[in-house]
Amino acid sequence: MFKKIEILSYKLGNIIGKNDTEDDKEIYGFALYAILSFLIYFVIRFSIIYLITGIWLEYIIIELIWLRIRTLCGGQHSDSPCHCFIISTIIYFVTLFISVLSKDYYILTFLIASATVVIAYEIIPKQSSYSEIKRSEIDKKKFRKKYIIRTLIIFIINLIIISIIYFYSLNTLNLFNISFNLKLISNTISCSLISCIFFC
């Protein structure tokens, strides 16, 4: 399936860039492959996790945090898109499972996530064994700056949720006739950060 997506992406890239250079066509094809792969990953993974757990929002939280932080952490990557999909789906499912089981300990999880983020700062971005690209110190500083900004935004959001739970004794928020478990949301944010950094 993944090979077919790649072939289709590069064919579309050639059509889009029919009047452009071969390098541009290659870029278009790669970009389309990345977008289509992500969309297919997302839909399939969302369907699997939702059918098994009935949970959707927390999965989206995990996906978003991994998208924003994993790219900055570096580390190991799978040798094929299929392996990547299988391994990441297992990690997401385990992260979600732990988040649900430990949601009453959301403050402890938040503290562990905070410590994990601070410790990881010195080791990111990690080099992948599949990549021969050596990052310069300037590039590493740029990655770390983005890492600080993104993790800080995530922490502020989580602190707001924790404050609502603590000061207003509000465990559940109802919006648009949908009930959201704030403890689970907060805990999922923290667990997502921990798993994202741990598996980099």
C-alpha atoms as a PDB file:
ATOM      1  CA  MET A   1       0.000   0.000   0.000  1.00  0.00           C
ATOM      2  CA  PHE A   2       2.755   2.441   0.959  1.00  0.00           C
ATOM      3  CA  LYS A   3       4.622   1.811  -2.302  1.00  0.00           C
ATOM      4  CA  LYS A   4       1.448   2.576  -4.279  1.00  0.00           C
ATOM      5  CA  ILE A   5       1.015   5.836  -2.367  1.00  0.00           C
ATOM      6  CA  GLU A   6       4.614   6.758  -3.190  1.00  0.00           C
ATOM      7  CA  ILE A   7       4.166   5.986  -6.894  1.00  0.00           C
ATOM      8  CA  LEU A   8       0.902   7.950  -7.026  1.00  0.00           C
ATOM      9  CA  SER A   9       2.472  10.913  -5.194  1.00  0.00           C
ATOM     10  CA  TYR A  10       5.372  11.212  -7.622  1.00  0.00           C
ATOM     11  CA  LYS A  11       3.057  10.867 -10.620  1.00  0.00           C
ATOM     12  CA  LEU A  12       0.954  13.726  -9.266  1.00  0.00           C
ATOM     13  CA  GLY A  13       4.162  15.663  -8.582  1.00  0.00           C
ATOM     14  CA  ASN A  14       5.149  15.295 -12.225  1.00  0.00           C
ATOM     15  CA  ILE A  15       1.710  16.508 -13.341  1.00  0.00           C
ATOM     16  CA  ILE A  16       1.761  19.515 -10.988  1.00  0.00           C
ATOM     17  CA  GLY A  17       5.291  20.463 -11.994  1.00  0.00           C
ATOM     18  CA  LYS A  18       5.079  19.599 -15.684  1.00  0.00           C
ATOM     19  CA  ASN A  19       6.648  22.945 -16.605  1.00  0.00           C
ATOM     20  CA  ASP A  20       9.206  22.880 -13.758  1.00  0.00           C
ATOM     21  CA  THR A  21      12.619  21.282 -13.320  1.00  0.00           C
ATOM     22  CA  GLU A  22      13.123  17.641 -12.350  1.00  0.00           C
ATOM     23  CA  ASP A  23      14.283  18.719  -8.889  1.00  0.00           C
ATOM     24  CA  ASP A  24      11.062  20.668  -8.372  1.00  0.00           C
ATOM     25  CA  LYS A  25       8.993  17.678  -9.488  1.00  0.00           C
ATOM     26  CA  GLU A  26      10.890  15.538  -6.999  1.00  0.00           C
ATOM     27  CA  ILE A  27      10.078  18.016  -4.216  1.00  0.00           C
ATOM     28  CA  TYR A  28       6.389  18.098  -5.174  1.00  0.00           C
ATOM     29  CA  GLY A  29       6.257  14.305  -5.218  1.00  0.00           C
ATOM     30  CA  PHE A  30       7.935  13.985  -1.838  1.00  0.00           C
ATOM     31  CA  ALA A  31       5.652  16.624  -0.301  1.00  0.00           C
ATOM     32  CA  LEU A  32       2.537  14.897  -1.643  1.00  0.00           C
ATOM     33  CA  TYR A  33       3.819  11.547  -0.380  1.00  0.00           C
ATOM     34  CA  ALA A  34       4.344  12.980   3.102  1.00  0.00           C
ATOM     35  CA  ILE A  35       0.870  14.561   3.177  1.00  0.00           C
ATOM     36  CA  LEU A  36      -0.985  11.529   1.789  1.00  0.00           C
ATOM     37  CA  SER A  37       0.917   9.125   4.055  1.00  0.00           C
ATOM     38  CA  PHE A  38       0.088  11.175   7.134  1.00  0.00           C
ATOM     39  CA  LEU A  39      -3.597  11.419   6.232  1.00  0.00           C
ATOM     40  CA  ILE A  40      -3.858   7.675   5.628  1.00  0.00           C
ATOM     41  CA  TYR A  41      -1.893   6.900   8.823  1.00  0.00           C
ATOM     42  CA  PHE A  42      -4.153   9.219  10.769  1.00  0.00           C
ATOM     43  CA  VAL A  43      -7.445   7.826   9.457  1.00  0.00           C
ATOM     44  CA  ILE A  44      -6.446   4.171   9.910  1.00  0.00           C
ATOM     45  CA  ARG A  45      -4.907   4.729  13.354  1.00  0.00           C
ATOM     46  CA  PHE A  46      -7.849   6.870  14.481  1.00  0.00           C
ATOM     47  CA  SER A  47     -10.288   4.164  13.354  1.00  0.00           C
ATOM     48  CA  ILE A  48      -8.374   1.382  15.126  1.00  0.00           C
ATOM     49  CA  ILE A  49      -8.006   3.243  18.415  1.00  0.00           C
ATOM     50  CA  TYR A  50     -11.558   4.598  18.393  1.00  0.00           C
ATOM     51  CA  LEU A  51     -13.077   1.182  17.657  1.00  0.00           C
ATOM     52  CA  ILE A  52     -11.064  -0.436  20.474  1.00  0.00           C
ATOM     53  CA  THR A  53     -11.309   2.303  23.125  1.00  0.00           C
ATOM     54  CA  GLY A  54     -14.122   4.647  22.066  1.00  0.00           C
ATOM     55  CA  ILE A  55     -11.715   7.529  22.756  1.00  0.00           C
ATOM     56  CA  TRP A  56     -10.959  10.113  20.067  1.00  0.00           C
ATOM     57  CA  LEU A  57      -9.900  13.452  21.582  1.00  0.00           C
ATOM     58  CA  GLU A  58      -7.024  12.010  23.603  1.00  0.00           C
ATOM     59  CA  TYR A  59      -5.707  10.202  20.535  1.00  0.00           C
ATOM     60  CA  ILE A  60      -5.685  13.493  18.618  1.00  0.00           C
ATOM     61  CA  ILE A  61      -3.784  15.098  21.525  1.00  0.00           C
ATOM     62  CA  ILE A  62      -1.137  12.366  21.341  1.00  0.00           C
ATOM     63  CA  GLU A  63      -0.861  12.747  17.575  1.00  0.00           C
ATOM     64  CA  LEU A  64      -0.484  16.539  17.755  1.00  0.00           C
ATOM     65  CA  ILE A  65       2.155  16.461  20.496  1.00  0.00           C
ATOM     66  CA  TRP A  66       4.173  13.818  18.671  1.00  0.00           C
ATOM     67  CA  LEU A  67       3.957  15.853  15.468  1.00  0.00           C
ATOM     68  CA  ARG A  68       5.177  19.022  17.163  1.00  0.00           C
ATOM     69  CA  ILE A  69       7.843  17.562  19.478  1.00  0.00           C
ATOM     70  CA  ARG A  70       9.115  14.361  17.846  1.00  0.00           C
ATOM     71  CA  THR A  71      10.457  16.254  14.837  1.00  0.00           C
ATOM     72  CA  LEU A  72      12.662  18.273  17.184  1.00  0.00           C
ATOM     73  CA  CYS A  73      13.869  15.379  19.343  1.00  0.00           C
ATOM     74  CA  GLY A  74      15.383  13.409  16.481  1.00  0.00           C
ATOM     75  CA  GLY A  75      16.404   9.862  17.395  1.00  0.00           C
ATOM     76  CA  GLN A  76      15.662   6.542  15.767  1.00  0.00           C
ATOM     77  CA  HIS A  77      13.388   6.053  12.784  1.00  0.00           C
ATOM     78  CA  SER A  78      11.995   2.873  11.268  1.00  0.00           C
ATOM     79  CA  ASP A  79      13.533   1.455   8.122  1.00  0.00           C
ATOM     80  CA  SER A  80      10.190   1.429   6.270  1.00  0.00           C
ATOM     81  CA  PRO A  81       6.851   3.305   6.354  1.00  0.00           C
ATOM     82  CA  CYS A  82       5.045   0.072   7.268  1.00  0.00           C
ATOM     83  CA  HIS A  83       7.254  -0.532  10.316  1.00  0.00           C
ATOM     84  CA  CYS A  84       6.874   3.126  11.282  1.00  0.00           C
ATOM     85  CA  PHE A  85       3.093   2.858  11.163  1.00  0.00           C
ATOM     86  CA  ILE A  86       2.954  -0.357  13.213  1.00  0.00           C
ATOM     87  CA  ILE A  87       5.417   0.782  15.881  1.00  0.00           C
ATOM     88  CA  SER A  88       3.928   4.268  16.250  1.00  0.00           C
ATOM     89  CA  THR A  89       0.396   2.834  16.490  1.00  0.00           C
ATOM     90  CA  ILE A  90       1.508   0.521  19.320  1.00  0.00           C
ATOM     91  CA  ILE A  91       3.231   3.412  21.119  1.00  0.00           C
ATOM     92  CA  TYR A  92       0.157   5.635  20.772  1.00  0.00           C
ATOM     93  CA  PHE A  93      -2.116   2.890  22.057  1.00  0.00           C
ATOM     94  CA  VAL A  94       0.144   2.184  25.081  1.00  0.00           C
ATOM     95  CA  THR A  95       0.394   5.924  25.798  1.00  0.00           C
ATOM     96  CA  LEU A  96      -3.386   6.227  25.713  1.00  0.00           C
ATOM     97  CA  PHE A  97      -3.826   3.129  27.874  1.00  0.00           C
ATOM     98  CA  ILE A  98      -1.431   4.452  30.537  1.00  0.00           C
ATOM     99  CA  SER A  99      -3.090   7.885  30.395  1.00  0.00           C
ATOM    100  CA  VAL A 100      -6.490   6.349  31.148  1.00  0.00           C
ATOM    101  CA  LEU A 101      -5.199   4.124  33.955  1.00  0.00           C
ATOM    102  CA  SER A 102      -3.260   6.908  35.702  1.00  0.00           C
ATOM    103  CA  LYS A 103      -5.591   9.868  35.118  1.00  0.00           C
ATOM    104  CA  ASP A 104      -6.187  10.364  38.863  1.00  0.00           C
ATOM    105  CA  TYR A 105      -2.443  10.959  39.268  1.00  0.00           C
ATOM    106  CA  TYR A 106      -2.363  13.709  36.638  1.00  0.00           C
ATOM    107  CA  ILE A 107      -0.359  16.103  38.843  1.00  0.00           C
ATOM    108  CA  LEU A 108       2.364  13.503  39.450  1.00  0.00           C
ATOM    109  CA  THR A 109       2.444  12.743  35.730  1.00  0.00           C
ATOM    110  CA  PHE A 110       2.745  16.468  35.012  1.00  0.00           C
ATOM    111  CA  LEU A 111       5.776  16.710  37.335  1.00  0.00           C
ATOM    112  CA  ILE A 112       7.406  13.666  35.712  1.00  0.00           C
ATOM    113  CA  ALA A 113       6.778  15.155  32.257  1.00  0.00           C
ATOM    114  CA  SER A 114       8.331  18.451  33.387  1.00  0.00           C
ATOM    115  CA  ALA A 115      11.478  16.678  34.589  1.00  0.00           C
ATOM    116  CA  THR A 116      11.645  14.626  31.389  1.00  0.00           C
ATOM    117  CA  VAL A 117      11.434  17.712  29.186  1.00  0.00           C
ATOM    118  CA  VAL A 118      14.221  19.470  31.134  1.00  0.00           C
ATOM    119  CA  ILE A 119      16.520  16.424  31.051  1.00  0.00           C
ATOM    120  CA  ALA A 120      15.909  15.875  27.327  1.00  0.00           C
ATOM    121  CA  TYR A 121      16.986  19.422  26.481  1.00  0.00           C
ATOM    122  CA  GLU A 122      20.668  18.492  26.701  1.00  0.00           C
ATOM    123  CA  ILE A 123      20.430  15.423  24.457  1.00  0.00           C
ATOM    124  CA  ILE A 124      18.233  16.640  21.616  1.00  0.00           C
ATOM    125  CA  PRO A 125      18.257  16.482  18.673  1.00  0.00           C
ATOM    126  CA  LYS A 126      19.495  12.875  18.725  1.00  0.00           C
ATOM    127  CA  GLN A 127      21.172  11.428  15.662  1.00  0.00           C
ATOM    128  CA  SER A 128      19.340   8.661  13.823  1.00  0.00           C
ATOM    129  CA  SER A 129      21.285   5.589  12.742  1.00  0.00           C
ATOM    130  CA  TYR A 130      19.525   5.851   9.357  1.00  0.00           C
ATOM    131  CA  SER A 131      20.699   9.398   8.737  1.00  0.00           C
ATOM    132  CA  GLU A 132      24.192  10.459   7.696  1.00  0.00           C
ATOM    133  CA  ILE A 133      23.405  14.146   8.179  1.00  0.00           C
ATOM    134  CA  LYS A 134      25.484  15.711  10.938  1.00  0.00           C
ATOM    135  CA  ARG A 135      23.833  18.741  12.471  1.00  0.00           C
ATOM    136  CA  SER A 136      25.955  21.767  13.291  1.00  0.00           C
ATOM    137  CA  GLU A 137      25.850  23.456  16.684  1.00  0.00           C
ATOM    138  CA  ILE A 138      23.863  26.312  15.128  1.00  0.00           C
ATOM    139  CA  ASP A 139      21.243  23.846  13.878  1.00  0.00           C
ATOM    140  CA  LYS A 140      21.107  22.181  17.289  1.00  0.00           C
ATOM    141  CA  LYS A 141      20.516  25.541  18.957  1.00  0.00           C
ATOM    142  CA  LYS A 142      17.658  26.254  16.543  1.00  0.00           C
ATOM    143  CA  PHE A 143      16.096  22.874  17.318  1.00  0.00           C
ATOM    144  CA  ARG A 144      16.430  23.489  21.053  1.00  0.00           C
ATOM    145  CA  LYS A 145      14.914  26.955  20.790  1.00  0.00           C
ATOM    146  CA  LYS A 146      11.863  25.548  18.992  1.00  0.00           C
ATOM    147  CA  TYR A 147      11.765  22.725  21.537  1.00  0.00           C
ATOM    148  CA  ILE A 148      11.596  25.219  24.419  1.00  0.00           C
ATOM    149  CA  ILE A 149       8.853  27.282  22.765  1.00  0.00           C
ATOM    150  CA  ARG A 150       6.676  24.306  21.839  1.00  0.00           C
ATOM    151  CA  THR A 151       7.008  22.473  25.154  1.00  0.00           C
ATOM    152  CA  LEU A 152       6.364  25.744  27.014  1.00  0.00           C
ATOM    153  CA  ILE A 153       3.115  26.281  25.083  1.00  0.00           C
ATOM    154  CA  ILE A 154       2.058  22.697  25.865  1.00  0.00           C
ATOM    155  CA  PHE A 155       2.848  23.184  29.558  1.00  0.00           C
ATOM    156  CA  ILE A 156       0.904  26.436  29.745  1.00  0.00           C
ATOM    157  CA  ILE A 157      -2.137  24.734  28.217  1.00  0.00           C
ATOM    158  CA  ASN A 158      -1.777  21.850  30.664  1.00  0.00           C
ATOM    159  CA  LEU A 159      -1.384  24.216  33.619  1.00  0.00           C
ATOM    160  CA  ILE A 160      -4.584  26.003  32.629  1.00  0.00           C
ATOM    161  CA  ILE A 161      -6.427  22.669  32.583  1.00  0.00           C
ATOM    162  CA  ILE A 162      -4.942  21.654  35.940  1.00  0.00           C
ATOM    163  CA  SER A 163      -5.894  25.051  37.417  1.00  0.00           C
ATOM    164  CA  ILE A 164      -9.499  24.601  36.271  1.00  0.00           C
ATOM    165  CA  ILE A 165      -9.597  21.162  37.910  1.00  0.00           C
ATOM    166  CA  TYR A 166      -7.954  22.353  41.138  1.00  0.00           C
ATOM    167  CA  PHE A 167      -9.519  25.758  41.724  1.00  0.00           C
ATOM    168  CA  TYR A 168     -12.974  25.119  40.308  1.00  0.00           C
ATOM    169  CA  SER A 169     -13.253  21.436  41.282  1.00  0.00           C
ATOM    170  CA  LEU A 170     -14.306  20.793  37.707  1.00  0.00           C
ATOM    171  CA  ASN A 171     -13.394  17.310  36.480  1.00  0.00           C
ATOM    172  CA  THR A 172     -15.678  17.280  33.458  1.00  0.00           C
ATOM    173  CA  LEU A 173     -16.319  19.999  30.902  1.00  0.00           C
ATOM    174  CA  ASN A 174     -19.385  19.894  28.664  1.00  0.00           C
ATOM    175  CA  LEU A 175     -19.141  21.625  25.292  1.00  0.00           C
ATOM    176  CA  PHE A 176     -21.486  21.182  22.335  1.00  0.00           C
ATOM    177  CA  ASN A 177     -23.194  18.305  24.163  1.00  0.00           C
ATOM    178  CA  ILE A 178     -19.864  16.492  24.416  1.00  0.00           C
ATOM    179  CA  SER A 179     -18.368  15.629  27.815  1.00  0.00           C
ATOM    180  CA  PHE A 180     -14.591  16.072  28.231  1.00  0.00           C
ATOM    181  CA  ASN A 181     -12.717  14.499  31.145  1.00  0.00           C
ATOM    182  CA  LEU A 182     -10.214  17.197  32.147  1.00  0.00           C
ATOM    183  CA  LYS A 183      -8.075  14.878  34.269  1.00  0.00           C
ATOM    184  CA  LEU A 184      -7.715  12.491  31.356  1.00  0.00           C
ATOM    185  CA  ILE A 185      -6.908  15.318  28.951  1.00  0.00           C
ATOM    186  CA  SER A 186      -4.247  16.731  31.284  1.00  0.00           C
ATOM    187  CA  ASN A 187      -2.768  13.302  31.917  1.00  0.00           C
ATOM    188  CA  THR A 188      -2.737  12.495  28.200  1.00  0.00           C
ATOM    189  CA  ILE A 189      -0.791  15.680  27.478  1.00  0.00           C
ATOM    190  CA  SER A 190       1.834  14.748  30.081  1.00  0.00           C
ATOM    191  CA  CYS A 191       2.043  11.075  29.041  1.00  0.00           C
ATOM    192  CA  SER A 192       2.377  12.106  25.392  1.00  0.00           C
ATOM    193  CA  LEU A 193       5.376  14.295  26.192  1.00  0.00           C
ATOM    194  CA  ILE A 194       6.998  11.524  28.213  1.00  0.00           C
ATOM    195  CA  SER A 195       6.494   8.847  25.540  1.00  0.00           C
ATOM    196  CA  CYS A 196       7.555  11.178  22.740  1.00  0.00           C
ATOM    197  CA  ILE A 197      10.853  12.021  24.428  1.00  0.00           C
ATOM    198  CA  PHE A 198      11.427   8.487  25.782  1.00  0.00           C
ATOM    199  CA  PHE A 199      11.174   6.921  22.317  1.00  0.00           C
ATOM    200  CA  CYS A 200      13.331   9.489  20.527  1.00  0.00           C
END
